[in-house]
Amino acid sequence: MPNPAYSLLSRLLFTLDAETAHDVSMKALSLVSASGMASLLSRLSPPARDPVTVMGLAFPNRVGLAAGLDKNGAAIDALAALGFGHIEIGTVTPRPQPGNPAPRLFRLPEAHAIINRMGFNNLGVDALLRNVGRAGFPKNGGILGVNIGKNADTPLAKAADDYLFCLEKVYPVASYVTINISSPNTKNLRDLQHDEALDTLLARLKSARDRLADQRGRYVPLALKIAPDLEEARIPAIAQALRRHRIDAAIATNTTLSRAGVEHLPHGGETGGLSGAPLFARSTETLKNLVAALEGELPVVGAGGILSAEDARAKIAAGASLVQIYTGLIYQGPGFAREIARALAKSPFPA
């Protein structure tokens, strides 16, 4: 349950439309990051210790921030001060783009859910790099993931060029890079999850990463983020592609197009990706199926619908090595990451 102070703050924020509230919150966090106060808070109140090595990286705990909250990397230090073991920023594209027309972000508070059709709105990869350059978190050894995508006006046949461009740009600053081909809000993007398109994309990114690792003397893992709406029969093919191209991890899952259980709610019929509590069962089932198909050859990060420590434990029990939250942070408040990390640290899971 959120603490009383956050309950009051959230009631005030929820009087604003969802995107305005998001912008206000991110501006405040960005100011905290720029002031240097966040780094001080991180030192005074370090994240819960539950060390685990995933993708060859030493994570201080199992709880991360999912991509989508800080698209431009403007509030890394303030977010890190909330107790996350890793921060994933983005999705970032080669060029700035405004995303889809507003309104495009909707709360479903009765279901502890959000629907978004943002459409990779961001300031472009160069702006993200400038922000990362000002942040203390990655310089001080924090685990920073960068989630990359394609511009909306880039034809699907040339999508790999956008991913390669972003990979080249973010390679020097990222702890790991996530390939986002599972957002439902960029037209036809999810087609890249299938067969030859996936094979071609992963082959080119793996080749580029290996070249960059040789050039820079530094290995940056690659993760693939998948959708929860895949047919179960498709998951073994994705697992085979991940293993064939030696991708380092997968993230299960992105948001869902399903409206099961929320159709009757205000905004329940809006188009876009649904996140939050209604996603939990679907995303966890996808996680289980992917873990089984991978046969332990690479780790999976569990994301989707985590609204409690029990939900996080269920993701780990289903085979996740790490978990990520976003919507839960909106509904449960800034202490949520620390609460989950402490709970998982007390759980008898293998390192």
Protein backbone atom coordinates (compact mmCIF):
# COMPACT_ATOMS: atom_id res chain seq x y z
CA MET A 1 0.00 0.00 0.00
CA PRO A 2 1.27 3.53 -0.76
CA ASN A 3 2.22 5.62 2.25
CA PRO A 4 -0.13 8.44 3.35
CA ALA A 5 2.08 11.19 1.91
CA TYR A 6 2.05 9.57 -1.52
CA SER A 7 -1.68 8.88 -1.26
CA LEU A 8 -2.22 12.63 -0.91
CA LEU A 9 0.23 13.47 -3.70
CA SER A 10 -1.27 10.90 -6.04
CA ARG A 11 -4.76 12.28 -5.44
CA LEU A 12 -3.47 15.70 -6.48
CA LEU A 13 -1.67 14.32 -9.52
CA PHE A 14 -4.71 12.27 -10.53
CA THR A 15 -6.73 15.50 -10.78
CA LEU A 16 -4.55 16.23 -13.82
CA ASP A 17 -4.85 14.33 -17.08
CA ALA A 18 -2.43 11.43 -17.16
CA GLU A 19 0.16 12.89 -19.54
CA THR A 20 0.25 16.25 -17.78
CA ALA A 21 0.79 14.49 -14.45
CA HIS A 22 3.57 12.44 -16.02
CA ASP A 23 5.25 15.56 -17.42
CA VAL A 24 5.02 17.39 -14.08
CA SER A 25 6.48 14.41 -12.23
CA MET A 26 9.31 13.94 -14.71
CA LYS A 27 10.16 17.65 -14.60
CA ALA A 28 10.39 17.49 -10.80
CA LEU A 29 12.59 14.39 -10.95
CA SER A 30 14.77 16.01 -13.61
CA LEU A 31 15.30 19.04 -11.37
CA VAL A 32 16.26 16.78 -8.46
CA SER A 33 18.75 14.99 -10.72
CA ALA A 34 20.23 18.26 -11.98
CA SER A 35 20.62 19.64 -8.44
CA GLY A 36 22.93 16.83 -7.34
CA MET A 37 20.61 16.04 -4.43
CA ALA A 38 19.71 12.64 -5.88
CA SER A 39 23.28 11.39 -5.78
CA LEU A 40 23.53 12.43 -2.14
CA LEU A 41 20.28 10.62 -1.34
CA SER A 42 21.55 7.49 -3.09
CA ARG A 43 24.67 7.47 -0.93
CA LEU A 44 22.71 8.09 2.26
CA SER A 45 20.09 5.45 1.43
CA PRO A 46 21.66 2.87 -0.92
CA PRO A 47 19.48 0.27 -2.64
CA ALA A 48 18.67 -2.99 -0.90
CA ARG A 49 21.52 -5.48 -1.26
CA ASP A 50 20.53 -8.67 -3.04
CA PRO A 51 23.41 -9.14 -5.48
CA VAL A 52 22.80 -11.19 -8.58
CA THR A 53 24.82 -11.55 -11.77
CA VAL A 54 22.77 -11.46 -14.97
CA MET A 55 24.12 -11.00 -18.52
CA GLY A 56 27.56 -10.90 -16.91
CA LEU A 57 26.59 -7.73 -15.02
CA ALA A 58 26.57 -7.42 -11.23
CA PHE A 59 23.16 -6.07 -10.20
CA PRO A 60 22.90 -4.81 -6.59
CA ASN A 61 19.33 -6.12 -6.41
CA ARG A 62 16.73 -7.72 -8.67
CA VAL A 63 14.39 -4.73 -9.16
CA GLY A 64 14.69 -2.41 -12.14
CA LEU A 65 12.77 0.43 -13.71
CA ALA A 66 11.17 -0.57 -17.01
CA ALA A 67 11.64 1.59 -20.08
CA GLY A 68 9.00 4.16 -20.91
CA LEU A 69 9.03 6.34 -17.82
CA ASP A 70 12.24 8.24 -18.54
CA LYS A 71 12.39 8.17 -22.31
CA ASN A 72 15.15 10.77 -22.61
CA GLY A 73 17.31 9.88 -19.61
CA ALA A 74 16.58 13.21 -17.95
CA ALA A 75 15.95 11.90 -14.42
CA ILE A 76 18.34 8.96 -14.05
CA ASP A 77 19.87 10.01 -10.74
CA ALA A 78 16.55 10.83 -9.06
CA LEU A 79 15.06 7.53 -10.17
CA ALA A 80 18.13 5.61 -9.02
CA ALA A 81 17.72 7.17 -5.57
CA LEU A 82 14.39 5.30 -5.24
CA GLY A 83 16.26 2.05 -4.67
CA PHE A 84 16.33 0.45 -8.12
CA GLY A 85 19.06 -2.05 -8.90
CA HIS A 86 19.03 -0.90 -12.50
CA ILE A 87 17.41 1.82 -14.59
CA GLU A 88 16.28 1.31 -18.19
CA ILE A 89 15.76 4.50 -20.19
CA GLY A 90 14.10 5.00 -23.59
CA THR A 91 12.65 3.90 -25.90
CA VAL A 92 14.92 6.16 -27.94
CA THR A 93 14.94 6.54 -31.72
CA PRO A 94 17.61 7.93 -34.07
CA ARG A 95 15.73 11.18 -34.68
CA PRO A 96 13.42 13.16 -32.40
CA GLN A 97 9.73 12.47 -32.91
CA PRO A 98 6.55 13.72 -31.25
CA GLY A 99 4.79 10.35 -31.05
CA ASN A 100 1.09 9.86 -31.56
CA PRO A 101 -1.51 12.63 -31.16
CA ALA A 102 -2.84 13.40 -27.67
CA PRO A 103 -4.74 12.28 -25.71
CA ARG A 104 -2.63 9.14 -25.62
CA LEU A 105 -2.23 8.18 -21.96
CA PHE A 106 -5.13 7.00 -19.79
CA ARG A 107 -5.44 5.80 -16.20
CA LEU A 108 -7.77 2.98 -15.18
CA PRO A 109 -7.47 3.39 -11.40
CA GLU A 110 -10.17 0.84 -10.60
CA ALA A 111 -7.94 -1.79 -12.23
CA HIS A 112 -4.56 -0.31 -11.22
CA ALA A 113 -3.82 -0.06 -14.92
CA ILE A 114 -2.73 2.36 -17.63
CA ILE A 115 -3.36 2.42 -21.37
CA ASN A 116 -0.85 4.27 -23.51
CA ARG A 117 -0.43 4.88 -27.20
CA MET A 118 2.51 7.28 -26.86
CA GLY A 119 4.33 6.06 -29.96
CA PHE A 120 8.01 6.39 -28.99
CA ASN A 121 7.80 10.12 -28.33
CA ASN A 122 11.37 11.20 -27.51
CA LEU A 123 14.00 13.84 -28.19
CA GLY A 124 16.25 11.54 -30.20
CA VAL A 125 19.38 9.61 -29.31
CA ASP A 126 21.73 12.61 -29.22
CA ALA A 127 19.60 14.33 -26.55
CA LEU A 128 19.54 11.13 -24.52
CA LEU A 129 23.34 10.90 -24.70
CA ARG A 130 23.71 14.45 -23.43
CA ASN A 131 21.49 13.63 -20.47
CA VAL A 132 23.37 10.44 -19.68
CA GLY A 133 26.61 12.40 -19.81
CA ARG A 134 25.34 14.65 -17.01
CA ALA A 135 24.12 11.79 -14.81
CA GLY A 136 26.20 10.43 -11.96
CA PHE A 137 24.51 7.02 -11.72
CA PRO A 138 26.20 5.28 -14.69
CA LYS A 139 29.58 6.91 -13.95
CA ASN A 140 29.41 5.54 -10.40
CA GLY A 141 28.88 1.98 -11.56
CA GLY A 142 25.08 1.93 -11.77
CA ILE A 143 23.50 -0.52 -14.21
CA LEU A 144 21.95 1.54 -17.02
CA GLY A 145 19.93 -0.10 -19.77
CA VAL A 146 19.07 1.78 -22.95
CA ASN A 147 15.97 0.69 -24.85
CA ILE A 148 16.18 1.35 -28.60
CA GLY A 149 13.55 1.51 -31.34
CA LYS A 150 12.86 2.77 -34.83
CA ASN A 151 11.40 6.05 -36.00
CA ALA A 152 7.74 5.87 -37.00
CA ASP A 153 8.44 7.04 -40.56
CA THR A 154 11.21 4.51 -41.16
CA PRO A 155 9.88 1.73 -43.42
CA LEU A 156 9.83 -1.68 -41.78
CA ALA A 157 12.25 -2.95 -44.44
CA LYS A 158 14.82 -0.43 -43.15
CA ALA A 159 14.04 -0.82 -39.46
CA ALA A 160 17.33 -2.59 -38.77
CA ASP A 161 19.19 0.54 -39.88
CA ASP A 162 17.54 2.53 -37.07
CA TYR A 163 18.36 -0.10 -34.45
CA LEU A 164 21.97 -0.28 -35.66
CA PHE A 165 22.29 3.51 -35.59
CA CYS A 166 21.04 3.65 -31.99
CA LEU A 167 23.23 0.74 -30.93
CA GLU A 168 26.33 2.48 -32.27
CA LYS A 169 25.39 5.70 -30.49
CA VAL A 170 24.50 4.31 -27.05
CA TYR A 171 27.15 1.58 -26.90
CA PRO A 172 29.72 3.70 -25.01
CA VAL A 173 27.29 4.61 -22.19
CA ALA A 174 24.96 1.61 -21.83
CA SER A 175 25.45 -1.27 -19.42
CA TYR A 176 23.12 -3.26 -21.69
CA VAL A 177 20.90 -2.45 -24.69
CA THR A 178 17.29 -3.59 -25.11
CA ILE A 179 15.87 -4.14 -28.59
CA ASN A 180 12.24 -3.04 -28.49
CA ILE A 181 10.24 -4.69 -31.28
CA SER A 182 7.16 -5.29 -29.16
CA SER A 183 5.50 -1.92 -28.61
CA PRO A 184 1.95 -1.95 -30.01
CA ASN A 185 2.07 1.80 -30.68
CA THR A 186 4.36 1.97 -33.73
CA LYS A 187 2.64 0.65 -36.84
CA ASN A 188 3.67 -2.90 -37.78
CA LEU A 189 6.58 -2.90 -35.30
CA ARG A 190 5.55 -6.26 -33.84
CA ASP A 191 5.98 -7.84 -37.27
CA LEU A 192 9.71 -7.77 -36.50
CA GLN A 193 9.12 -10.53 -33.93
CA HIS A 194 8.42 -13.04 -36.68
CA ASP A 195 10.56 -15.48 -38.63
CA GLU A 196 12.93 -14.00 -41.23
CA ALA A 197 12.49 -10.41 -40.02
CA LEU A 198 13.58 -11.35 -36.49
CA ASP A 199 16.42 -13.51 -37.75
CA THR A 200 17.78 -10.73 -39.97
CA LEU A 201 17.50 -8.06 -37.27
CA LEU A 202 19.19 -10.14 -34.57
CA ALA A 203 21.98 -11.24 -36.93
CA ARG A 204 22.82 -7.65 -37.88
CA LEU A 205 22.67 -6.38 -34.30
CA LYS A 206 24.78 -9.26 -32.98
CA SER A 207 27.39 -8.66 -35.70
CA ALA A 208 27.48 -4.93 -34.94
CA ARG A 209 27.74 -5.54 -31.20
CA ASP A 210 30.66 -7.96 -31.66
CA ARG A 211 32.46 -5.41 -33.82
CA LEU A 212 31.87 -2.67 -31.26
CA ALA A 213 33.08 -4.92 -28.44
CA ASP A 214 36.33 -5.53 -30.32
CA GLN A 215 36.77 -1.85 -31.14
CA ARG A 216 36.07 -0.57 -27.65
CA GLY A 217 37.34 -3.45 -25.56
CA ARG A 218 34.01 -3.55 -23.73
CA TYR A 219 31.18 -6.08 -24.07
CA VAL A 220 27.64 -4.66 -23.85
CA PRO A 221 24.90 -7.31 -23.59
CA LEU A 222 21.82 -7.26 -25.83
CA ALA A 223 18.30 -8.06 -24.60
CA LEU A 224 15.14 -8.54 -26.67
CA LYS A 225 11.80 -7.30 -25.31
CA ILE A 226 8.81 -9.35 -26.45
CA ALA A 227 5.06 -8.87 -26.46
CA PRO A 228 2.59 -10.72 -24.22
CA ASP A 229 0.23 -11.22 -27.13
CA LEU A 230 2.34 -13.75 -29.01
CA GLU A 231 0.67 -17.05 -29.77
CA GLU A 232 2.16 -19.70 -27.51
CA ALA A 233 3.29 -21.63 -30.56
CA ARG A 234 5.47 -18.68 -31.62
CA ILE A 235 7.54 -18.59 -28.44
CA PRO A 236 9.80 -21.59 -29.23
CA ALA A 237 10.77 -19.96 -32.55
CA ILE A 238 11.72 -16.74 -30.76
CA ALA A 239 13.68 -18.74 -28.20
CA GLN A 240 15.53 -20.54 -30.99
CA ALA A 241 16.40 -17.21 -32.64
CA LEU A 242 17.70 -15.81 -29.36
CA ARG A 243 19.85 -18.88 -28.81
CA ARG A 244 21.03 -19.06 -32.42
CA HIS A 245 22.24 -15.46 -32.40
CA ARG A 246 23.52 -15.62 -28.82
CA ILE A 247 21.46 -12.71 -27.60
CA ASP A 248 22.20 -12.22 -23.90
CA ALA A 249 18.70 -11.93 -22.38
CA ALA A 250 15.00 -11.44 -23.02
CA ILE A 251 12.45 -9.20 -21.32
CA ALA A 252 8.93 -10.59 -20.95
CA THR A 253 6.85 -8.58 -21.51
CA ASN A 254 5.76 -5.32 -23.05
CA THR A 255 2.15 -4.06 -22.82
CA THR A 256 -0.87 -5.96 -24.15
CA LEU A 257 -3.59 -5.23 -26.68
CA SER A 258 -6.01 -7.37 -24.70
CA ARG A 259 -8.79 -5.61 -22.79
CA ALA A 260 -9.93 -8.66 -20.82
CA GLY A 261 -11.34 -7.48 -17.52
CA VAL A 262 -11.24 -3.74 -18.26
CA GLU A 263 -13.68 -3.38 -21.16
CA HIS A 264 -16.37 -1.97 -18.87
CA LEU A 265 -14.16 0.68 -17.24
CA PRO A 266 -13.86 4.33 -18.27
CA HIS A 267 -11.12 4.51 -20.95
CA GLY A 268 -11.08 0.70 -21.10
CA GLY A 269 -11.79 0.81 -24.82
CA GLU A 270 -8.97 3.19 -25.71
CA THR A 271 -6.44 1.88 -28.22
CA GLY A 272 -2.87 1.31 -27.15
CA GLY A 273 -0.95 -0.94 -24.80
CA LEU A 274 -2.45 -1.94 -21.47
CA SER A 275 -0.12 -2.18 -18.46
CA GLY A 276 -0.63 -2.77 -14.76
CA ALA A 277 -2.49 -5.42 -12.80
CA PRO A 278 -4.64 -6.79 -15.69
CA LEU A 279 -1.43 -7.64 -17.58
CA PHE A 280 0.07 -9.74 -14.79
CA ALA A 281 -1.35 -13.19 -15.61
CA ARG A 282 -0.80 -12.88 -19.36
CA SER A 283 2.77 -11.59 -19.03
CA THR A 284 3.69 -14.19 -16.42
CA GLU A 285 2.39 -17.01 -18.61
CA THR A 286 4.49 -15.70 -21.50
CA LEU A 287 7.47 -15.50 -19.15
CA LYS A 288 7.02 -19.13 -18.06
CA ASN A 289 6.72 -20.34 -21.65
CA LEU A 290 9.79 -18.42 -22.76
CA VAL A 291 11.88 -19.63 -19.81
CA ALA A 292 10.90 -23.22 -20.64
CA ALA A 293 11.71 -22.79 -24.33
CA LEU A 294 15.12 -21.27 -23.57
CA GLU A 295 16.05 -24.24 -21.39
CA GLY A 296 18.22 -22.10 -19.15
CA GLU A 297 20.51 -20.90 -21.93
CA LEU A 298 19.86 -17.21 -21.28
CA PRO A 299 18.15 -15.19 -18.56
CA VAL A 300 14.74 -13.59 -18.74
CA VAL A 301 13.65 -10.36 -17.05
CA GLY A 302 10.05 -10.40 -15.78
CA ALA A 303 7.96 -7.31 -16.40
CA GLY A 304 4.25 -6.65 -16.56
CA GLY A 305 1.66 -6.12 -13.86
CA ILE A 306 3.82 -6.10 -10.73
CA LEU A 307 1.75 -4.27 -8.10
CA SER A 308 3.06 -6.00 -4.96
CA ALA A 309 6.01 -7.89 -3.54
CA GLU A 310 4.00 -11.08 -4.04
CA ASP A 311 3.72 -10.32 -7.75
CA ALA A 312 7.48 -9.84 -7.96
CA ARG A 313 8.08 -13.14 -6.15
CA ALA A 314 5.77 -14.85 -8.64
CA LYS A 315 7.85 -13.54 -11.55
CA ILE A 316 11.04 -14.86 -9.97
CA ALA A 317 9.34 -18.18 -9.20
CA ALA A 318 8.28 -18.36 -12.88
CA GLY A 319 11.94 -18.18 -13.89
CA ALA A 320 12.80 -14.48 -14.06
CA SER A 321 16.30 -13.49 -13.00
CA LEU A 322 15.30 -9.84 -12.55
CA VAL A 323 12.04 -7.90 -12.47
CA GLN A 324 11.08 -4.47 -13.79
CA ILE A 325 8.29 -2.14 -12.71
CA TYR A 326 6.63 0.96 -14.11
CA THR A 327 2.86 1.13 -13.61
CA GLY A 328 3.22 -0.19 -10.06
CA LEU A 329 5.41 2.79 -9.26
CA ILE A 330 2.62 5.14 -10.39
CA TYR A 331 0.02 3.51 -8.16
CA GLN A 332 2.16 2.46 -5.18
CA GLY A 333 4.53 5.41 -4.92
CA PRO A 334 8.28 6.15 -4.78
CA GLY A 335 8.97 3.62 -2.01
CA PHE A 336 7.72 0.72 -4.12
CA ALA A 337 11.05 -0.31 -5.68
CA ARG A 338 12.79 -0.39 -2.32
CA GLU A 339 9.90 -2.36 -0.78
CA ILE A 340 10.05 -5.02 -3.49
CA ALA A 341 13.85 -5.24 -3.43
CA ARG A 342 13.83 -5.80 0.33
CA ALA A 343 11.11 -8.44 0.04
CA LEU A 344 12.99 -10.32 -2.68
CA ALA A 345 16.22 -10.12 -0.67
CA LYS A 346 14.46 -12.09 2.07
CA SER A 347 13.15 -14.72 -0.33
CA PRO A 348 14.99 -18.05 -0.80
CA PHE A 349 15.71 -17.62 -4.50
CA PRO A 350 19.00 -18.79 -6.04
CA ALA A 351 21.59 -16.13 -6.91
